[in-house]
Amino acid sequence: MATESAERLRGVYRDLHAHPELSFQEHRTAGIAAAWLRESGFEVIEPVGTTGVAGLLRNGPGPTVLLRADMDALPVREATGLPYASTVDGVMHACGHDMHVTCLLGAAAALAGSRADWSGTVTVVLQPAEELAQGAAAMVADGLFERIPRPDVVLGQHVAPLPAGTIGLRPGPAFAATDSLRVTLYGSGGHGSRPETTVDPVVMAAATVLRLQGIVAREVSGNDTAVVTVGALNAGTKNNIIPDDAELLLSVRTFDTEVRGRVLAAIERIVRAEAQASGARQQPRIEQTESAPAVLNDPAAAERTRAALAAVVGAGRVVDPGPVTGSEDVGVLAAAAGAPLVFWLLGGADPAAFEGASSPSELARVVAGLPSNHSPRYAPVEEPTISVGVAALASAARHWLD
């Protein structure tokens, strides 16, 4: 990128990072994106799916390529100490979606400025509410593919604590399916000095949490992959009051549909059994609050795109990261469009942290020691992450448009 363009994109990134917005509240971010796209010559369609933005650039006959980025932040209090840290208390771009938006806007400008080199249609989609696994579905339900052409391929990337200048691309199952559950356990409250007159939902919840951890260890084969996390346990208001109920918030990640069904069934079985064992006077309530399918990279499309990514970082720096247990709802867009999906990891960690690490196991140890996505200390380095992210999206798009 030219120095002027790179500095402008860095300013966009810092501005987005300092002004994060939660899911379906990305009004400011959407406005910045829409203005940038109009300036670059795109036809802008907004809003789509509450706060989503789509941009369309027609450049003669040829394929249609969809480039996607998500926009929402997380309810996390930032602890990076960056000079451009979040100015919104308790909200942070802890997953790197500000980097995704920045790179997509840079790629859009690069493609608009090089129309002599390609022919076809470029569609960019800036999606809300990925963190709720609802944004892609909301855009589809709001008629996204009635308002833009159906693409021949869907392309996208997610920043990760890999060395900046590295890209992770895996054909087939690449990101896990996600299911989020809210479990409400009903007890019978009373005075903390007389527990015998109550059914204590805190004890019930504690026993349930411990038992749930046995699902992966004892009910999922070592050849399969699953994650069951209890991310929150909420109960009570005071030390000497036994409450009426307790709430658990669960996150489940799987790749295989059969394993997914088995894990969800086991969760329901354990929750109901622990409630019965505790003498609960009411059946627990189990609600699914979020769900998105596994991200499945089309093998042929991934192989075709690999060459374009290698042209940016070098063939040796396009690596297979293995299955990622994080989740994404970008596959909803590809499935709704009936198009192949290619979604890769964009390295965003300081390469200096990886000096001396040469083997895969050494690299993995370094990654494990770095702040990960969703950490209050997560912050990708600005460069070369932005430059590589812009070039990767633009190169992949041109490869399909040639």
Protein backbone atom coordinates (compact mmCIF):
# COMPACT_ATOMS: atom_id res chain seq x y z
CA MET A 1 0.00 0.00 0.00
CA ALA A 2 1.11 3.57 -0.63
CA THR A 3 2.24 5.39 2.51
CA GLU A 4 -0.69 7.83 2.42
CA SER A 5 -3.23 5.02 2.06
CA ALA A 6 -1.57 2.96 4.82
CA GLU A 7 -1.62 5.89 7.25
CA ARG A 8 -5.26 6.61 6.48
CA LEU A 9 -6.22 2.99 7.12
CA ARG A 10 -4.26 3.01 10.36
CA GLY A 11 -6.29 6.05 11.40
CA VAL A 12 -9.53 4.21 10.55
CA TYR A 13 -8.40 1.20 12.59
CA ARG A 14 -7.51 3.29 15.64
CA ASP A 15 -10.80 5.18 15.42
CA LEU A 16 -12.82 1.97 15.22
CA HIS A 17 -10.86 0.45 18.09
CA ALA A 18 -11.46 3.50 20.28
CA HIS A 19 -15.21 3.51 19.53
CA PRO A 20 -16.43 -0.10 19.77
CA GLU A 21 -20.11 -0.94 19.42
CA LEU A 22 -21.97 -4.02 20.62
CA SER A 23 -23.97 -6.38 18.43
CA PHE A 24 -26.79 -4.75 16.42
CA GLN A 25 -25.63 -1.36 17.74
CA GLU A 26 -22.89 -0.77 15.13
CA HIS A 27 -24.43 2.47 13.80
CA ARG A 28 -21.25 4.57 13.89
CA THR A 29 -19.11 1.80 12.41
CA ALA A 30 -21.67 1.22 9.65
CA GLY A 31 -21.69 4.93 8.85
CA ILE A 32 -17.90 5.03 8.52
CA ALA A 33 -17.97 1.96 6.26
CA ALA A 34 -20.77 3.28 4.06
CA ALA A 35 -19.03 6.64 3.59
CA TRP A 36 -15.75 4.94 2.67
CA LEU A 37 -17.46 2.68 0.13
CA ARG A 38 -19.29 5.59 -1.52
CA GLU A 39 -16.04 7.48 -1.79
CA SER A 40 -14.48 4.42 -3.46
CA GLY A 41 -17.26 4.30 -6.07
CA PHE A 42 -19.42 1.53 -4.62
CA GLU A 43 -23.19 1.50 -4.71
CA VAL A 44 -24.14 1.28 -1.03
CA ILE A 45 -27.13 -0.65 0.29
CA GLU A 46 -28.10 0.00 3.91
CA PRO A 47 -29.32 -0.92 6.38
CA VAL A 48 -29.44 -4.69 5.90
CA GLY A 49 -30.21 -6.83 8.95
CA THR A 50 -30.54 -3.85 11.34
CA THR A 51 -27.06 -2.29 10.99
CA GLY A 52 -25.43 -4.23 8.14
CA VAL A 53 -23.97 -2.56 5.07
CA ALA A 54 -23.46 -3.95 1.56
CA GLY A 55 -21.43 -2.35 -1.21
CA LEU A 56 -21.59 -3.19 -4.92
CA LEU A 57 -18.99 -2.42 -7.59
CA ARG A 58 -19.83 -3.57 -11.11
CA ASN A 59 -16.96 -3.70 -13.59
CA GLY A 60 -18.14 -5.43 -16.72
CA PRO A 61 -18.97 -9.10 -17.32
CA GLY A 62 -17.52 -11.84 -15.17
CA PRO A 63 -17.87 -13.58 -11.81
CA THR A 64 -19.26 -12.06 -8.62
CA VAL A 65 -17.06 -12.18 -5.52
CA LEU A 66 -18.37 -11.45 -2.01
CA LEU A 67 -15.92 -10.15 0.62
CA ARG A 68 -17.21 -10.14 4.18
CA ALA A 69 -16.17 -8.58 7.51
CA ASP A 70 -17.95 -8.44 10.86
CA MET A 71 -18.24 -5.21 12.86
CA ASP A 72 -19.36 -5.84 16.45
CA ALA A 73 -17.37 -5.59 19.68
CA LEU A 74 -17.64 -7.44 23.00
CA PRO A 75 -18.73 -6.54 26.54
CA VAL A 76 -15.11 -6.60 27.77
CA ARG A 77 -13.26 -3.88 29.71
CA GLU A 78 -10.04 -3.18 27.82
CA ALA A 79 -6.68 -3.72 29.57
CA THR A 80 -4.24 -3.24 26.70
CA GLY A 81 -2.96 0.18 27.72
CA LEU A 82 -2.96 1.29 24.09
CA PRO A 83 -3.07 5.03 23.38
CA TYR A 84 -6.14 4.35 21.21
CA ALA A 85 -7.84 2.03 23.72
CA SER A 86 -11.61 1.88 23.95
CA THR A 87 -13.34 5.03 25.13
CA VAL A 88 -16.51 3.05 25.89
CA ASP A 89 -16.48 1.65 29.40
CA GLY A 90 -16.92 -2.11 29.46
CA VAL A 91 -16.90 -2.50 25.66
CA MET A 92 -13.87 -3.49 23.59
CA HIS A 93 -12.89 -4.84 20.19
CA ALA A 94 -11.47 -7.89 21.93
CA CYS A 95 -12.00 -10.16 18.91
CA GLY A 96 -10.41 -8.00 16.24
CA HIS A 97 -13.48 -7.07 14.20
CA ASP A 98 -12.11 -3.52 13.93
CA MET A 99 -9.18 -5.04 12.05
CA HIS A 100 -11.58 -6.98 9.81
CA VAL A 101 -13.49 -3.83 8.87
CA THR A 102 -10.28 -1.88 8.23
CA CYS A 103 -8.83 -4.55 5.96
CA LEU A 104 -12.07 -4.91 4.00
CA LEU A 105 -12.34 -1.17 3.42
CA GLY A 106 -8.72 -1.11 2.27
CA ALA A 107 -9.34 -4.01 -0.10
CA ALA A 108 -12.46 -2.33 -1.48
CA ALA A 109 -10.48 0.82 -2.26
CA ALA A 110 -7.66 -1.22 -3.81
CA LEU A 111 -10.06 -3.11 -6.08
CA ALA A 112 -11.85 0.09 -7.06
CA GLY A 113 -8.53 1.63 -7.99
CA SER A 114 -7.41 -1.29 -10.15
CA ARG A 115 -10.48 -1.90 -12.30
CA ALA A 116 -8.33 -2.25 -15.41
CA ASP A 117 -6.95 -5.49 -13.93
CA TRP A 118 -10.19 -7.40 -13.42
CA SER A 119 -13.70 -7.86 -14.72
CA GLY A 120 -16.86 -8.83 -12.88
CA THR A 121 -18.63 -7.66 -9.73
CA VAL A 122 -17.25 -7.10 -6.24
CA THR A 123 -19.69 -7.16 -3.34
CA VAL A 124 -18.56 -6.27 0.15
CA VAL A 125 -20.65 -7.14 3.19
CA LEU A 126 -20.08 -5.54 6.59
CA GLN A 127 -22.03 -7.72 8.96
CA PRO A 128 -23.40 -6.97 12.42
CA ALA A 129 -23.75 -9.25 15.43
CA GLU A 130 -21.30 -12.04 14.67
CA GLU A 131 -20.70 -12.34 18.41
CA LEU A 132 -24.35 -13.34 18.83
CA ALA A 133 -24.16 -15.71 15.83
CA GLN A 134 -27.19 -13.82 14.52
CA GLY A 135 -25.90 -11.14 12.15
CA ALA A 136 -25.48 -13.22 9.01
CA ALA A 137 -28.94 -14.75 9.41
CA ALA A 138 -30.41 -11.29 10.01
CA MET A 139 -28.93 -9.96 6.77
CA VAL A 140 -30.18 -12.98 4.81
CA ALA A 141 -33.66 -12.66 6.35
CA ASP A 142 -33.67 -8.97 5.38
CA GLY A 143 -33.28 -9.92 1.73
CA LEU A 144 -29.53 -9.52 1.25
CA PHE A 145 -29.42 -11.77 -1.79
CA GLU A 146 -32.47 -10.12 -3.30
CA ARG A 147 -30.63 -6.79 -3.09
CA ILE A 148 -27.21 -7.90 -4.31
CA PRO A 149 -26.18 -10.50 -6.92
CA ARG A 150 -25.59 -14.03 -5.67
CA PRO A 151 -21.83 -14.54 -5.52
CA ASP A 152 -19.71 -17.24 -7.12
CA VAL A 153 -17.56 -17.38 -3.97
CA VAL A 154 -17.61 -15.96 -0.44
CA LEU A 155 -14.23 -14.84 0.94
CA GLY A 156 -13.24 -13.61 4.39
CA GLN A 157 -10.66 -13.67 7.14
CA HIS A 158 -10.32 -13.57 10.93
CA VAL A 159 -7.36 -12.07 12.75
CA ALA A 160 -5.66 -14.43 15.20
CA PRO A 161 -2.54 -14.60 17.41
CA LEU A 162 -0.44 -16.13 14.62
CA PRO A 163 2.67 -14.22 13.49
CA ALA A 164 1.72 -11.18 11.41
CA GLY A 165 2.62 -11.99 7.82
CA THR A 166 1.28 -15.53 8.18
CA ILE A 167 -2.05 -16.83 6.87
CA GLY A 168 -3.81 -19.95 8.14
CA LEU A 169 -5.95 -21.77 5.58
CA ARG A 170 -7.59 -25.15 6.13
CA PRO A 171 -9.81 -26.96 3.60
CA GLY A 172 -12.95 -28.65 4.90
CA PRO A 173 -14.10 -28.15 8.52
CA ALA A 174 -12.17 -25.05 9.56
CA PHE A 175 -14.14 -23.44 12.43
CA ALA A 176 -16.41 -25.22 14.89
CA ALA A 177 -20.17 -25.01 15.10
CA THR A 178 -21.38 -23.01 18.09
CA ASP A 179 -24.35 -23.48 20.38
CA SER A 180 -25.03 -21.19 23.33
CA LEU A 181 -27.42 -22.28 26.06
CA ARG A 182 -29.07 -20.60 29.03
CA VAL A 183 -29.94 -23.03 31.80
CA THR A 184 -32.19 -21.91 34.66
CA LEU A 185 -32.23 -24.15 37.73
CA TYR A 186 -35.16 -23.69 40.09
CA GLY A 187 -34.73 -24.21 43.82
CA SER A 188 -36.63 -22.91 46.81
CA GLY A 189 -35.03 -20.02 48.66
CA GLY A 190 -34.82 -19.14 52.31
CA HIS A 191 -32.55 -18.06 55.14
CA GLY A 192 -28.91 -19.06 54.91
CA SER A 193 -29.03 -20.28 58.54
CA ARG A 194 -31.79 -22.81 57.73
CA PRO A 195 -30.77 -24.61 54.52
CA GLU A 196 -32.86 -27.62 55.52
CA THR A 197 -35.99 -25.63 54.68
CA THR A 198 -34.78 -24.86 51.15
CA VAL A 199 -33.71 -26.45 47.89
CA ASP A 200 -30.40 -24.70 47.28
CA PRO A 201 -29.96 -23.85 43.57
CA VAL A 202 -26.33 -22.78 44.17
CA VAL A 203 -25.37 -26.29 45.25
CA MET A 204 -27.46 -27.66 42.38
CA ALA A 205 -25.64 -25.39 39.93
CA ALA A 206 -22.20 -26.28 41.31
CA ALA A 207 -22.91 -29.99 40.97
CA THR A 208 -24.21 -29.45 37.45
CA VAL A 209 -21.10 -27.52 36.38
CA LEU A 210 -18.80 -30.27 37.64
CA ARG A 211 -20.84 -33.01 36.00
CA LEU A 212 -20.98 -31.18 32.66
CA GLN A 213 -17.19 -31.28 32.49
CA GLY A 214 -17.39 -35.05 32.17
CA ILE A 215 -19.17 -34.91 28.82
CA VAL A 216 -16.08 -34.27 26.71
CA ALA A 217 -13.85 -36.40 28.92
CA ARG A 218 -16.12 -39.45 29.03
CA GLU A 219 -18.75 -39.22 26.29
CA VAL A 220 -16.79 -37.89 23.29
CA SER A 221 -14.31 -40.09 21.47
CA GLY A 222 -10.66 -39.11 21.46
CA ASN A 223 -10.93 -39.03 17.67
CA ASP A 224 -13.62 -36.33 17.82
CA THR A 225 -13.52 -32.72 19.02
CA ALA A 226 -15.89 -30.95 21.36
CA VAL A 227 -15.74 -28.14 23.92
CA VAL A 228 -18.26 -27.52 26.70
CA THR A 229 -17.66 -24.30 28.66
CA VAL A 230 -19.76 -22.83 31.46
CA GLY A 231 -18.96 -19.15 31.02
CA ALA A 232 -21.20 -17.77 33.74
CA LEU A 233 -22.95 -18.92 36.92
CA ASN A 234 -25.33 -16.34 38.32
CA ALA A 235 -27.18 -16.83 41.60
CA GLY A 236 -28.07 -14.97 44.75
CA THR A 237 -27.76 -11.44 46.10
CA LYS A 238 -26.44 -11.79 49.68
CA ASN A 239 -24.34 -14.19 51.73
CA ASN A 240 -27.13 -15.25 54.11
CA ILE A 241 -29.91 -15.65 51.54
CA ILE A 242 -30.42 -18.89 49.64
CA PRO A 243 -31.92 -17.80 46.31
CA ASP A 244 -34.81 -19.30 44.41
CA ASP A 245 -32.91 -19.98 41.21
CA ALA A 246 -29.53 -20.07 39.49
CA GLU A 247 -28.53 -19.46 35.89
CA LEU A 248 -25.79 -21.11 33.86
CA LEU A 249 -24.56 -19.82 30.48
CA LEU A 250 -22.97 -22.51 28.33
CA SER A 251 -20.90 -22.47 25.16
CA VAL A 252 -20.63 -25.65 23.07
CA ARG A 253 -18.27 -26.14 20.11
CA THR A 254 -18.30 -29.14 17.78
CA PHE A 255 -17.37 -29.99 14.20
CA ASP A 256 -19.41 -33.13 13.53
CA THR A 257 -23.23 -32.99 13.52
CA GLU A 258 -23.54 -36.37 15.25
CA VAL A 259 -21.17 -35.31 18.02
CA ARG A 260 -23.09 -32.05 18.35
CA GLY A 261 -26.37 -33.89 18.85
CA ARG A 262 -24.81 -36.23 21.39
CA VAL A 263 -23.26 -33.39 23.41
CA LEU A 264 -26.46 -31.33 23.50
CA ALA A 265 -28.45 -34.39 24.56
CA ALA A 266 -25.94 -35.10 27.33
CA ILE A 267 -26.22 -31.54 28.62
CA GLU A 268 -30.00 -31.83 28.85
CA ARG A 269 -29.78 -35.24 30.54
CA ILE A 270 -27.31 -34.02 33.17
CA VAL A 271 -29.15 -30.77 33.92
CA ARG A 272 -32.46 -32.55 34.43
CA ALA A 273 -30.89 -35.36 36.47
CA GLU A 274 -29.07 -32.97 38.83
CA ALA A 275 -32.28 -31.02 39.36
CA GLN A 276 -34.11 -34.21 40.23
CA ALA A 277 -31.30 -35.38 42.51
CA SER A 278 -31.47 -32.06 44.36
CA GLY A 279 -35.20 -32.33 44.88
CA ALA A 280 -36.02 -29.36 42.68
CA ARG A 281 -39.69 -28.50 42.77
CA GLN A 282 -39.72 -27.38 39.13
CA GLN A 283 -38.11 -28.72 35.98
CA PRO A 284 -35.10 -26.69 34.79
CA ARG A 285 -35.44 -24.54 31.71
CA ILE A 286 -32.92 -25.04 28.87
CA GLU A 287 -32.91 -22.39 26.14
CA GLN A 288 -30.74 -22.20 23.03
CA THR A 289 -29.75 -18.54 22.65
CA GLU A 290 -27.21 -18.71 19.79
CA SER A 291 -26.33 -21.22 17.09
CA ALA A 292 -24.21 -21.27 13.96
CA PRO A 293 -23.00 -24.18 11.83
CA ALA A 294 -19.38 -25.19 11.39
CA VAL A 295 -17.39 -23.20 8.85
CA LEU A 296 -16.70 -25.57 5.97
CA ASN A 297 -14.14 -24.34 3.47
CA ASP A 298 -14.81 -25.73 0.00
CA PRO A 299 -11.68 -27.81 -0.74
CA ALA A 300 -11.44 -26.89 -4.43
CA ALA A 301 -12.11 -23.20 -3.77
CA ALA A 302 -9.60 -23.17 -0.91
CA GLU A 303 -6.92 -24.67 -3.12
CA ARG A 304 -7.69 -22.17 -5.84
CA THR A 305 -7.45 -19.28 -3.36
CA ARG A 306 -4.26 -20.55 -1.74
CA ALA A 307 -2.19 -19.38 -4.71
CA ALA A 308 -3.55 -15.84 -4.36
CA LEU A 309 -2.72 -15.77 -0.64
CA ALA A 310 0.74 -17.22 -1.28
CA ALA A 311 1.36 -14.40 -3.75
CA VAL A 312 0.96 -11.99 -0.81
CA VAL A 313 2.95 -13.68 1.97
CA GLY A 314 4.89 -16.45 0.24
CA ALA A 315 3.93 -20.11 -0.09
CA GLY A 316 5.76 -21.08 3.10
CA ARG A 317 3.69 -18.64 5.14
CA VAL A 318 0.31 -20.07 4.14
CA VAL A 319 -0.06 -22.78 6.77
CA ASP A 320 -2.72 -25.25 7.88
CA PRO A 321 -3.68 -24.17 11.43
CA GLY A 322 -5.71 -27.30 12.10
CA PRO A 323 -9.37 -27.19 13.14
CA VAL A 324 -10.18 -23.98 15.01
CA THR A 325 -12.56 -24.46 17.94
CA GLY A 326 -13.65 -20.83 17.67
CA SER A 327 -16.82 -20.24 15.69
CA GLU A 328 -18.10 -17.92 12.96
CA ASP A 329 -21.45 -17.36 11.24
CA VAL A 330 -19.95 -16.47 7.84
CA GLY A 331 -21.01 -19.92 6.61
CA VAL A 332 -24.64 -18.79 6.85
CA LEU A 333 -23.98 -16.27 4.07
CA ALA A 334 -22.31 -18.86 1.84
CA ALA A 335 -25.06 -21.41 2.42
CA ALA A 336 -27.80 -18.88 1.68
CA ALA A 337 -26.01 -17.82 -1.51
CA GLY A 338 -25.30 -21.40 -2.58
CA ALA A 339 -21.65 -20.42 -3.03
CA PRO A 340 -18.37 -22.02 -1.95
CA LEU A 341 -16.70 -20.47 1.10
CA VAL A 342 -13.03 -19.72 1.71
CA PHE A 343 -12.29 -18.28 5.15
CA TRP A 344 -8.78 -17.98 6.53
CA LEU A 345 -6.87 -16.80 9.61
CA LEU A 346 -4.91 -13.56 9.36
CA GLY A 347 -1.83 -13.47 11.56
CA GLY A 348 -1.88 -10.44 13.86
CA ALA A 349 0.75 -11.14 16.53
CA ASP A 350 4.12 -9.38 16.74
CA PRO A 351 6.54 -11.54 14.72
CA ALA A 352 9.28 -10.73 17.23
CA ALA A 353 7.50 -12.94 19.77
CA PHE A 354 8.14 -15.94 17.53
CA GLU A 355 11.88 -15.48 17.04
CA GLY A 356 13.65 -18.78 17.54
CA ALA A 357 10.44 -20.82 17.26
CA SER A 358 10.76 -23.05 14.22
CA SER A 359 8.83 -26.27 14.84
CA PRO A 360 5.03 -26.45 14.96
CA SER A 361 5.14 -27.35 18.66
CA GLU A 362 7.34 -24.32 19.45
CA LEU A 363 5.02 -22.03 17.49
CA ALA A 364 2.02 -23.48 19.31
CA ARG A 365 3.66 -22.80 22.68
CA VAL A 366 4.25 -19.17 21.75
CA VAL A 367 0.65 -18.77 20.56
CA ALA A 368 -0.63 -20.30 23.81
CA GLY A 369 1.30 -17.70 25.80
CA LEU A 370 -0.12 -14.70 23.93
CA PRO A 371 -3.39 -12.90 24.73
CA SER A 372 -6.07 -14.57 22.63
CA ASN A 373 -9.20 -13.23 21.00
CA HIS A 374 -11.77 -12.21 23.63
CA SER A 375 -9.03 -11.38 26.15
CA PRO A 376 -9.07 -7.83 27.60
CA ARG A 377 -5.39 -7.68 26.59
CA TYR A 378 -5.87 -8.80 22.97
CA ALA A 379 -4.50 -6.35 20.42
CA PRO A 380 -3.10 -7.25 16.99
CA VAL A 381 -0.10 -5.27 15.82
CA GLU A 382 -1.16 -2.68 13.28
CA GLU A 383 1.55 -3.51 10.78
CA PRO A 384 2.07 -5.66 8.88
CA THR A 385 -1.40 -6.96 9.86
CA ILE A 386 -3.35 -4.24 8.05
CA SER A 387 -1.20 -4.33 4.90
CA VAL A 388 -1.30 -8.12 4.66
CA GLY A 389 -5.04 -8.24 5.43
CA VAL A 390 -5.83 -5.72 2.70
CA ALA A 391 -3.58 -7.44 0.17
CA ALA A 392 -4.92 -10.91 1.01
CA LEU A 393 -8.54 -9.94 0.41
CA ALA A 394 -7.75 -7.96 -2.75
CA SER A 395 -5.48 -10.67 -4.17
CA ALA A 396 -8.03 -13.42 -3.46
CA ALA A 397 -10.79 -11.39 -5.09
CA ARG A 398 -8.72 -10.63 -8.20
CA HIS A 399 -7.79 -14.30 -8.48
CA TRP A 400 -11.48 -15.19 -8.79
CA LEU A 401 -12.26 -12.21 -11.02
CA ASP A 402 -9.50 -12.90 -13.58
